[in-house]
PDB file of N, CA and C in Angstrom:
ATOM      1  N   MET A   1       9.874  51.384  -2.044  1.00  0.00           N
ATOM      2  CA  MET A   1      10.092  50.784  -3.488  1.00  0.00           C
ATOM      3  C   MET A   1       8.760  50.211  -4.038  1.00  0.00           C
ATOM      4  N   SER A   2       8.285  51.061  -5.076  1.00  0.00           N
ATOM      5  CA  SER A   2       7.174  50.694  -5.868  1.00  0.00           C
ATOM      6  C   SER A   2       7.643  50.062  -7.084  1.00  0.00           C
ATOM      7  N   MET A   3       7.394  48.669  -6.993  1.00  0.00           N
ATOM      8  CA  MET A   3       7.580  47.826  -8.096  1.00  0.00           C
ATOM      9  C   MET A   3       6.688  48.197  -9.400  1.00  0.00           C
ATOM     10  N   ARG A   4       7.291  48.077 -10.620  1.00  0.00           N
ATOM     11  CA  ARG A   4       6.618  48.297 -11.880  1.00  0.00           C
ATOM     12  C   ARG A   4       6.931  47.098 -12.691  1.00  0.00           C
ATOM     13  N   THR A   5       5.948  46.793 -13.502  1.00  0.00           N
ATOM     14  CA  THR A   5       5.930  45.684 -14.394  1.00  0.00           C
ATOM     15  C   THR A   5       7.281  45.552 -15.165  1.00  0.00           C
ATOM     16  N   THR A   6       7.925  46.748 -15.350  1.00  0.00           N
ATOM     17  CA  THR A   6       9.228  46.877 -16.096  1.00  0.00           C
ATOM     18  C   THR A   6      10.365  46.226 -15.216  1.00  0.00           C
ATOM     19  N   ASP A   7      10.003  45.970 -13.910  1.00  0.00           N
ATOM     20  CA  ASP A   7      10.986  45.425 -13.030  1.00  0.00           C
ATOM     21  C   ASP A   7      11.141  44.025 -13.053  1.00  0.00           C
ATOM     22  N   LEU A   8       9.979  43.389 -13.747  1.00  0.00           N
ATOM     23  CA  LEU A   8       9.953  41.937 -13.819  1.00  0.00           C
ATOM     24  C   LEU A   8      10.970  41.601 -15.040  1.00  0.00           C
ATOM     25  N   GLY A   9      11.240  40.434 -15.039  1.00  0.00           N
ATOM     26  CA  GLY A   9      11.931  39.877 -16.304  1.00  0.00           C
ATOM     27  C   GLY A   9      11.318  39.723 -17.489  1.00  0.00           C
ATOM     28  N   ASP A  10      11.988  39.760 -18.450  1.00  0.00           N
ATOM     29  CA  ASP A  10      11.205  39.687 -19.849  1.00  0.00           C
ATOM     30  C   ASP A  10      10.401  38.278 -19.930  1.00  0.00           C
ATOM     31  N   GLU A  11      10.918  37.370 -19.391  1.00  0.00           N
ATOM     32  CA  GLU A  11      10.177  36.164 -19.432  1.00  0.00           C
ATOM     33  C   GLU A  11       9.072  36.174 -18.558  1.00  0.00           C
ATOM     34  N   THR A  12       9.092  36.756 -17.418  1.00  0.00           N
ATOM     35  CA  THR A  12       7.822  36.778 -16.518  1.00  0.00           C
ATOM     36  C   THR A  12       6.814  37.735 -17.140  1.00  0.00           C
ATOM     37  N   VAL A  13       7.200  38.860 -17.845  1.00  0.00           N
ATOM     38  CA  VAL A  13       6.254  39.817 -18.501  1.00  0.00           C
ATOM     39  C   VAL A  13       5.460  38.963 -19.592  1.00  0.00           C
ATOM     40  N   ASP A  14       6.359  38.284 -20.536  1.00  0.00           N
ATOM     41  CA  ASP A  14       5.807  37.475 -21.566  1.00  0.00           C
ATOM     42  C   ASP A  14       4.735  36.526 -21.002  1.00  0.00           C
ATOM     43  N   SER A  15       5.027  35.800 -19.964  1.00  0.00           N
ATOM     44  CA  SER A  15       4.184  34.957 -19.416  1.00  0.00           C
ATOM     45  C   SER A  15       2.840  35.464 -18.958  1.00  0.00           C
ATOM     46  N   ILE A  16       3.043  36.704 -18.232  1.00  0.00           N
ATOM     47  CA  ILE A  16       1.703  37.353 -17.791  1.00  0.00           C
ATOM     48  C   ILE A  16       0.815  37.720 -18.931  1.00  0.00           C
ATOM     49  N   ILE A  17       1.572  38.377 -19.865  1.00  0.00           N
ATOM     50  CA  ILE A  17       0.780  38.771 -21.233  1.00  0.00           C
ATOM     51  C   ILE A  17       0.071  37.606 -21.749  1.00  0.00           C
ATOM     52  N   LYS A  18       0.676  36.432 -22.063  1.00  0.00           N
ATOM     53  CA  LYS A  18       0.201  35.340 -22.578  1.00  0.00           C
ATOM     54  C   LYS A  18      -0.956  34.913 -21.807  1.00  0.00           C
ATOM     55  N   ARG A  19      -0.893  34.978 -20.425  1.00  0.00           N
ATOM     56  CA  ARG A  19      -2.011  34.448 -19.540  1.00  0.00           C
ATOM     57  C   ARG A  19      -3.224  35.399 -19.802  1.00  0.00           C
ATOM     58  N   LEU A  20      -2.963  36.655 -19.712  1.00  0.00           N
ATOM     59  CA  LEU A  20      -3.832  37.783 -19.910  1.00  0.00           C
ATOM     60  C   LEU A  20      -4.547  37.703 -21.264  1.00  0.00           C
ATOM     61  N   ARG A  21      -3.894  37.424 -22.143  1.00  0.00           N
ATOM     62  CA  ARG A  21      -4.678  37.123 -23.560  1.00  0.00           C
ATOM     63  C   ARG A  21      -5.374  35.966 -23.621  1.00  0.00           C
ATOM     64  N   ARG A  22      -5.126  34.912 -22.976  1.00  0.00           N
ATOM     65  CA  ARG A  22      -5.778  33.596 -22.733  1.00  0.00           C
ATOM     66  C   ARG A  22      -7.198  34.039 -21.874  1.00  0.00           C
ATOM     67  N   ILE A  23      -7.114  34.836 -20.877  1.00  0.00           N
ATOM     68  CA  ILE A  23      -8.142  35.275 -20.000  1.00  0.00           C
ATOM     69  C   ILE A  23      -9.147  36.113 -21.002  1.00  0.00           C
ATOM     70  N   GLU A  24      -8.622  36.973 -21.804  1.00  0.00           N
ATOM     71  CA  GLU A  24      -9.376  37.705 -22.745  1.00  0.00           C
ATOM     72  C   GLU A  24     -10.177  36.869 -23.480  1.00  0.00           C
ATOM     73  N   GLY A  25      -9.545  35.815 -24.007  1.00  0.00           N
ATOM     74  CA  GLY A  25     -10.352  34.989 -25.083  1.00  0.00           C
ATOM     75  C   GLY A  25     -11.430  34.118 -24.181  1.00  0.00           C
ATOM     76  N   GLN A  26     -11.035  33.835 -22.931  1.00  0.00           N
ATOM     77  CA  GLN A  26     -12.156  33.204 -22.047  1.00  0.00           C
ATOM     78  C   GLN A  26     -13.261  34.295 -21.731  1.00  0.00           C
ATOM     79  N   VAL A  27     -13.071  35.437 -21.498  1.00  0.00           N
ATOM     80  CA  VAL A  27     -14.117  36.537 -21.382  1.00  0.00           C
ATOM     81  C   VAL A  27     -14.963  36.647 -22.510  1.00  0.00           C
ATOM     82  N   ARG A  28     -14.275  36.543 -23.769  1.00  0.00           N
ATOM     83  CA  ARG A  28     -15.046  36.903 -24.936  1.00  0.00           C
ATOM     84  C   ARG A  28     -15.937  35.574 -25.153  1.00  0.00           C
ATOM     85  N   GLY A  29     -15.392  34.229 -24.834  1.00  0.00           N
ATOM     86  CA  GLY A  29     -16.430  33.330 -25.043  1.00  0.00           C
ATOM     87  C   GLY A  29     -17.439  33.181 -23.914  1.00  0.00           C
ATOM     88  N   LEU A  30     -17.266  33.849 -22.664  1.00  0.00           N
ATOM     89  CA  LEU A  30     -18.425  34.164 -21.718  1.00  0.00           C
ATOM     90  C   LEU A  30     -19.338  34.703 -22.354  1.00  0.00           C
ATOM     91  N   GLN A  31     -19.050  36.149 -22.977  1.00  0.00           N
ATOM     92  CA  GLN A  31     -20.032  36.881 -23.456  1.00  0.00           C
ATOM     93  C   GLN A  31     -20.877  36.177 -24.604  1.00  0.00           C
ATOM     94  N   LYS A  32     -19.992  35.343 -25.569  1.00  0.00           N
ATOM     95  CA  LYS A  32     -20.746  34.543 -26.481  1.00  0.00           C
ATOM     96  C   LYS A  32     -21.708  33.587 -25.754  1.00  0.00           C
ATOM     97  N   MET A  33     -21.348  32.885 -24.952  1.00  0.00           N
ATOM     98  CA  MET A  33     -22.121  31.869 -24.224  1.00  0.00           C
ATOM     99  C   MET A  33     -23.307  32.486 -23.497  1.00  0.00           C
ATOM    100  N   VAL A  34     -23.307  33.599 -22.955  1.00  0.00           N
ATOM    101  CA  VAL A  34     -24.566  34.195 -22.283  1.00  0.00           C
ATOM    102  C   VAL A  34     -25.458  34.750 -23.488  1.00  0.00           C
ATOM    103  N   GLY A  35     -24.610  35.292 -24.580  1.00  0.00           N
ATOM    104  CA  GLY A  35     -25.580  35.652 -25.564  1.00  0.00           C
ATOM    105  C   GLY A  35     -26.320  34.571 -26.302  1.00  0.00           C
ATOM    106  N   GLU A  36     -25.802  33.465 -26.345  1.00  0.00           N
ATOM    107  CA  GLU A  36     -26.279  32.163 -26.983  1.00  0.00           C
ATOM    108  C   GLU A  36     -27.435  31.637 -26.016  1.00  0.00           C
ATOM    109  N   GLY A  37     -27.580  31.954 -24.772  1.00  0.00           N
ATOM    110  CA  GLY A  37     -28.517  31.355 -23.830  1.00  0.00           C
ATOM    111  C   GLY A  37     -28.038  30.059 -23.481  1.00  0.00           C
ATOM    112  N   ARG A  38     -26.565  29.774 -23.040  1.00  0.00           N
ATOM    113  CA  ARG A  38     -26.052  28.740 -22.750  1.00  0.00           C
ATOM    114  C   ARG A  38     -26.567  28.317 -21.439  1.00  0.00           C
ATOM    115  N   PRO A  39     -26.569  27.169 -20.765  1.00  0.00           N
ATOM    116  CA  PRO A  39     -27.111  26.795 -19.375  1.00  0.00           C
ATOM    117  C   PRO A  39     -26.136  27.476 -18.482  1.00  0.00           C
ATOM    118  N   CYS A  40     -26.789  27.981 -17.412  1.00  0.00           N
ATOM    119  CA  CYS A  40     -26.072  28.678 -16.206  1.00  0.00           C
ATOM    120  C   CYS A  40     -24.916  27.803 -15.534  1.00  0.00           C
ATOM    121  N   ASP A  41     -24.982  26.662 -15.640  1.00  0.00           N
ATOM    122  CA  ASP A  41     -23.872  25.824 -15.006  1.00  0.00           C
ATOM    123  C   ASP A  41     -22.693  25.880 -15.862  1.00  0.00           C
ATOM    124  N   GLU A  42     -22.835  25.869 -17.243  1.00  0.00           N
ATOM    125  CA  GLU A  42     -21.667  26.035 -18.123  1.00  0.00           C
ATOM    126  C   GLU A  42     -21.277  27.378 -17.935  1.00  0.00           C
ATOM    127  N   VAL A  43     -21.855  28.353 -17.974  1.00  0.00           N
ATOM    128  CA  VAL A  43     -21.492  29.696 -17.691  1.00  0.00           C
ATOM    129  C   VAL A  43     -20.716  29.767 -16.605  1.00  0.00           C
ATOM    130  N   LEU A  44     -21.016  29.409 -15.465  1.00  0.00           N
ATOM    131  CA  LEU A  44     -20.471  29.521 -14.072  1.00  0.00           C
ATOM    132  C   LEU A  44     -19.061  28.684 -14.152  1.00  0.00           C
ATOM    133  N   THR A  45     -19.198  27.511 -14.735  1.00  0.00           N
ATOM    134  CA  THR A  45     -18.047  26.766 -14.659  1.00  0.00           C
ATOM    135  C   THR A  45     -16.834  27.519 -15.611  1.00  0.00           C
ATOM    136  N   GLN A  46     -17.269  28.151 -16.663  1.00  0.00           N
ATOM    137  CA  GLN A  46     -16.340  28.781 -17.528  1.00  0.00           C
ATOM    138  C   GLN A  46     -15.786  30.233 -16.647  1.00  0.00           C
ATOM    139  N   MET A  47     -16.928  30.759 -15.911  1.00  0.00           N
ATOM    140  CA  MET A  47     -16.373  31.951 -15.144  1.00  0.00           C
ATOM    141  C   MET A  47     -15.437  31.427 -13.890  1.00  0.00           C
ATOM    142  N   THR A  48     -15.572  30.133 -13.439  1.00  0.00           N
ATOM    143  CA  THR A  48     -14.791  29.899 -12.510  1.00  0.00           C
ATOM    144  C   THR A  48     -13.161  29.480 -12.804  1.00  0.00           C
ATOM    145  N   ALA A  49     -13.185  29.103 -14.263  1.00  0.00           N
ATOM    146  CA  ALA A  49     -11.962  29.006 -14.839  1.00  0.00           C
ATOM    147  C   ALA A  49     -11.248  30.446 -15.081  1.00  0.00           C
ATOM    148  N   THR A  50     -12.069  31.181 -15.613  1.00  0.00           N
ATOM    149  CA  THR A  50     -11.555  32.655 -15.954  1.00  0.00           C
ATOM    150  C   THR A  50     -11.127  33.083 -14.693  1.00  0.00           C
ATOM    151  N   LYS A  51     -11.686  33.023 -13.365  1.00  0.00           N
ATOM    152  CA  LYS A  51     -11.409  33.728 -12.298  1.00  0.00           C
ATOM    153  C   LYS A  51     -10.092  32.924 -11.709  1.00  0.00           C
ATOM    154  N   LYS A  52      -9.736  31.731 -11.817  1.00  0.00           N
ATOM    155  CA  LYS A  52      -8.686  31.137 -11.425  1.00  0.00           C
ATOM    156  C   LYS A  52      -7.416  31.525 -12.420  1.00  0.00           C
ATOM    157  N   ALA A  53      -7.767  31.623 -13.506  1.00  0.00           N
ATOM    158  CA  ALA A  53      -6.659  32.161 -14.417  1.00  0.00           C
ATOM    159  C   ALA A  53      -6.098  33.577 -13.995  1.00  0.00           C
ATOM    160  N   MET A  54      -7.126  34.376 -13.639  1.00  0.00           N
ATOM    161  CA  MET A  54      -6.665  35.756 -13.110  1.00  0.00           C
ATOM    162  C   MET A  54      -6.110  35.661 -11.775  1.00  0.00           C
ATOM    163  N   GLU A  55      -6.395  34.864 -10.834  1.00  0.00           N
ATOM    164  CA  GLU A  55      -5.710  34.514  -9.584  1.00  0.00           C
ATOM    165  C   GLU A  55      -4.341  33.992  -9.883  1.00  0.00           C
ATOM    166  N   SER A  56      -4.106  33.289 -11.040  1.00  0.00           N
ATOM    167  CA  SER A  56      -2.663  32.547 -11.246  1.00  0.00           C
ATOM    168  C   SER A  56      -1.784  33.744 -11.738  1.00  0.00           C
ATOM    169  N   ALA A  57      -2.282  34.636 -12.517  1.00  0.00           N
ATOM    170  CA  ALA A  57      -1.584  35.572 -13.159  1.00  0.00           C
ATOM    171  C   ALA A  57      -1.080  36.584 -11.857  1.00  0.00           C
ATOM    172  N   ALA A  58      -2.306  36.905 -10.975  1.00  0.00           N
ATOM    173  CA  ALA A  58      -1.887  37.781  -9.837  1.00  0.00           C
ATOM    174  C   ALA A  58      -0.964  37.191  -8.813  1.00  0.00           C
ATOM    175  N   ASN A  59      -1.177  35.896  -8.828  1.00  0.00           N
ATOM    176  CA  ASN A  59       0.028  34.978  -7.846  1.00  0.00           C
ATOM    177  C   ASN A  59       1.426  35.283  -8.602  1.00  0.00           C
ATOM    178  N   LEU A  60       1.500  35.245  -9.704  1.00  0.00           N
ATOM    179  CA  LEU A  60       2.958  35.426 -10.315  1.00  0.00           C
ATOM    180  C   LEU A  60       3.411  36.843 -10.087  1.00  0.00           C
ATOM    181  N   ILE A  61       2.729  37.696 -10.301  1.00  0.00           N
ATOM    182  CA  ILE A  61       3.039  39.127 -10.138  1.00  0.00           C
ATOM    183  C   ILE A  61       3.379  39.349  -8.423  1.00  0.00           C
ATOM    184  N   LEU A  62       2.440  38.828  -7.636  1.00  0.00           N
ATOM    185  CA  LEU A  62       2.745  38.957  -6.254  1.00  0.00           C
ATOM    186  C   LEU A  62       4.041  38.118  -6.090  1.00  0.00           C
ATOM    187  N   LYS A  63       4.384  36.931  -6.426  1.00  0.00           N
ATOM    188  CA  LYS A  63       5.696  36.225  -6.086  1.00  0.00           C
ATOM    189  C   LYS A  63       6.737  37.060  -6.540  1.00  0.00           C
ATOM    190  N   GLU A  64       6.803  37.783  -7.607  1.00  0.00           N
ATOM    191  CA  GLU A  64       8.049  38.296  -8.171  1.00  0.00           C
ATOM    192  C   GLU A  64       8.094  39.847  -7.199  1.00  0.00           C
ATOM    193  N   PHE A  65       6.961  40.099  -6.799  1.00  0.00           N
ATOM    194  CA  PHE A  65       7.117  41.580  -6.006  1.00  0.00           C
ATOM    195  C   PHE A  65       7.615  41.052  -4.609  1.00  0.00           C
ATOM    196  N   LEU A  66       7.345  40.034  -4.131  1.00  0.00           N
ATOM    197  CA  LEU A  66       8.000  39.806  -2.883  1.00  0.00           C
ATOM    198  C   LEU A  66       9.295  39.038  -3.094  1.00  0.00           C
ATOM    199  N   THR A  67       9.768  38.588  -4.144  1.00  0.00           N
ATOM    200  CA  THR A  67      10.933  38.172  -4.411  1.00  0.00           C
ATOM    201  C   THR A  67      11.945  39.257  -4.418  1.00  0.00           C
ATOM    202  N   LEU A  68      11.447  40.524  -4.967  1.00  0.00           N
ATOM    203  CA  LEU A  68      12.302  41.720  -5.246  1.00  0.00           C
ATOM    204  C   LEU A  68      12.244  42.467  -3.883  1.00  0.00           C
ATOM    205  N   CYS A  69      11.228  42.268  -3.027  1.00  0.00           N
ATOM    206  CA  CYS A  69      11.416  42.779  -1.689  1.00  0.00           C
ATOM    207  C   CYS A  69      12.415  42.082  -0.834  1.00  0.00           C
ATOM    208  N   ALA A  70      12.432  40.879  -0.975  1.00  0.00           N
ATOM    209  CA  ALA A  70      13.313  40.063  -0.159  1.00  0.00           C
ATOM    210  C   ALA A  70      14.805  40.218  -0.751  1.00  0.00           C
ATOM    211  N   THR A  71      14.931  40.429  -1.817  1.00  0.00           N
ATOM    212  CA  THR A  71      16.421  40.853  -2.520  1.00  0.00           C
ATOM    213  C   THR A  71      16.855  42.198  -2.024  1.00  0.00           C
ATOM    214  N   ASP A  72      15.969  43.058  -1.973  1.00  0.00           N
ATOM    215  CA  ASP A  72      16.258  44.491  -1.490  1.00  0.00           C
ATOM    216  C   ASP A  72      16.707  44.327   0.068  1.00  0.00           C
ATOM    217  N   VAL A  73      15.943  43.489   0.635  1.00  0.00           N
ATOM    218  CA  VAL A  73      16.345  43.438   2.097  1.00  0.00           C
ATOM    219  C   VAL A  73      17.640  42.853   2.274  1.00  0.00           C
ATOM    220  N   ALA A  74      17.875  41.900   1.604  1.00  0.00           N
ATOM    221  CA  ALA A  74      19.160  41.014   1.558  1.00  0.00           C
ATOM    222  C   ALA A  74      20.356  42.041   1.243  1.00  0.00           C
ATOM    223  N   GLU A  75      19.947  42.876   0.288  1.00  0.00           N
ATOM    224  CA  GLU A  75      21.047  43.953  -0.022  1.00  0.00           C
ATOM    225  C   GLU A  75      21.149  45.109   0.681  1.00  0.00           C
ATOM    226  N   GLY A  76      20.371  45.165   2.040  1.00  0.00           N
ATOM    227  CA  GLY A  76      20.607  46.029   2.870  1.00  0.00           C
ATOM    228  C   GLY A  76      19.491  47.392   2.676  1.00  0.00           C
ATOM    229  N   ASP A  77      18.562  47.065   1.690  1.00  0.00           N
ATOM    230  CA  ASP A  77      17.629  48.277   1.421  1.00  0.00           C
ATOM    231  C   ASP A  77      16.157  47.744   2.087  1.00  0.00           C
ATOM    232  N   PRO A  78      15.894  48.197   3.452  1.00  0.00           N
ATOM    233  CA  PRO A  78      14.683  47.502   3.839  1.00  0.00           C
ATOM    234  C   PRO A  78      13.541  47.855   3.104  1.00  0.00           C
ATOM    235  N   ALA A  79      12.504  46.832   2.966  1.00  0.00           N
ATOM    236  CA  ALA A  79      11.364  47.157   2.261  1.00  0.00           C
ATOM    237  C   ALA A  79      10.384  47.629   3.415  1.00  0.00           C
ATOM    238  N   SER A  80       9.366  48.465   2.784  1.00  0.00           N
ATOM    239  CA  SER A  80       8.488  49.285   3.594  1.00  0.00           C
ATOM    240  C   SER A  80       7.344  48.047   3.974  1.00  0.00           C
ATOM    241  N   PRO A  81       7.341  47.836   5.382  1.00  0.00           N
ATOM    242  CA  PRO A  81       6.136  47.059   5.694  1.00  0.00           C
ATOM    243  C   PRO A  81       4.947  47.551   5.324  1.00  0.00           C
ATOM    244  N   GLU A  82       4.585  48.772   5.223  1.00  0.00           N
ATOM    245  CA  GLU A  82       3.361  49.433   4.862  1.00  0.00           C
ATOM    246  C   GLU A  82       3.124  49.064   3.299  1.00  0.00           C
ATOM    247  N   GLU A  83       4.174  49.145   2.381  1.00  0.00           N
ATOM    248  CA  GLU A  83       3.907  48.878   1.000  1.00  0.00           C
ATOM    249  C   GLU A  83       3.626  47.651   0.844  1.00  0.00           C
ATOM    250  N   ILE A  84       4.295  46.512   1.445  1.00  0.00           N
ATOM    251  CA  ILE A  84       4.010  45.201   1.421  1.00  0.00           C
ATOM    252  C   ILE A  84       2.519  44.773   1.870  1.00  0.00           C
ATOM    253  N   ALA A  85       2.314  45.555   3.033  1.00  0.00           N
ATOM    254  CA  ALA A  85       0.890  45.226   3.524  1.00  0.00           C
ATOM    255  C   ALA A  85      -0.211  45.831   2.505  1.00  0.00           C
ATOM    256  N   ASN A  86      -0.048  46.915   2.056  1.00  0.00           N
ATOM    257  CA  ASN A  86      -0.855  47.443   1.053  1.00  0.00           C
ATOM    258  C   ASN A  86      -0.871  46.570  -0.494  1.00  0.00           C
ATOM    259  N   VAL A  87       0.119  46.054  -0.726  1.00  0.00           N
ATOM    260  CA  VAL A  87       0.022  44.923  -1.880  1.00  0.00           C
ATOM    261  C   VAL A  87      -0.691  43.859  -1.573  1.00  0.00           C
ATOM    262  N   LEU A  88      -0.347  43.295  -0.486  1.00  0.00           N
ATOM    263  CA  LEU A  88      -1.012  42.149   0.136  1.00  0.00           C
ATOM    264  C   LEU A  88      -2.506  42.235   0.307  1.00  0.00           C
ATOM    265  N   ARG A  89      -2.929  43.395   0.926  1.00  0.00           N
ATOM    266  CA  ARG A  89      -4.344  43.833   1.005  1.00  0.00           C
ATOM    267  C   ARG A  89      -5.168  43.877  -0.274  1.00  0.00           C
ATOM    268  N   LYS A  90      -4.393  44.338  -1.382  1.00  0.00           N
ATOM    269  CA  LYS A  90      -5.176  44.340  -2.708  1.00  0.00           C
ATOM    270  C   LYS A  90      -5.263  42.943  -3.288  1.00  0.00           C
ATOM    271  N   PHE A  91      -4.400  42.113  -2.996  1.00  0.00           N
ATOM    272  CA  PHE A  91      -4.432  40.803  -3.406  1.00  0.00           C
ATOM    273  C   PHE A  91      -5.563  40.033  -2.755  1.00  0.00           C
ATOM    274  N   VAL A  92      -5.760  40.002  -1.533  1.00  0.00           N
ATOM    275  CA  VAL A  92      -6.683  39.344  -0.816  1.00  0.00           C
ATOM    276  C   VAL A  92      -8.008  39.762  -1.051  1.00  0.00           C
TER     277      VAL A  92
END
């Protein structure tokens, strides 16, 4: 069972896209900050916020993946332990 983003609900996809657009803006802001010679602590603070935003988007996708796996198992279609392990390995 290889989950695709098309397997996610429209609301979830919209939420992920909104988060990614916000992250895109953060990265552009980082480029500008570095180009302007802003203090390193300010740049690192913004980088940390961007990293956390990426982790939040990844958490949402992982949650949906695991929910889909649980639903499949409940319906009698066993999830592949290898696939779940591979997804978790990429996440960590």
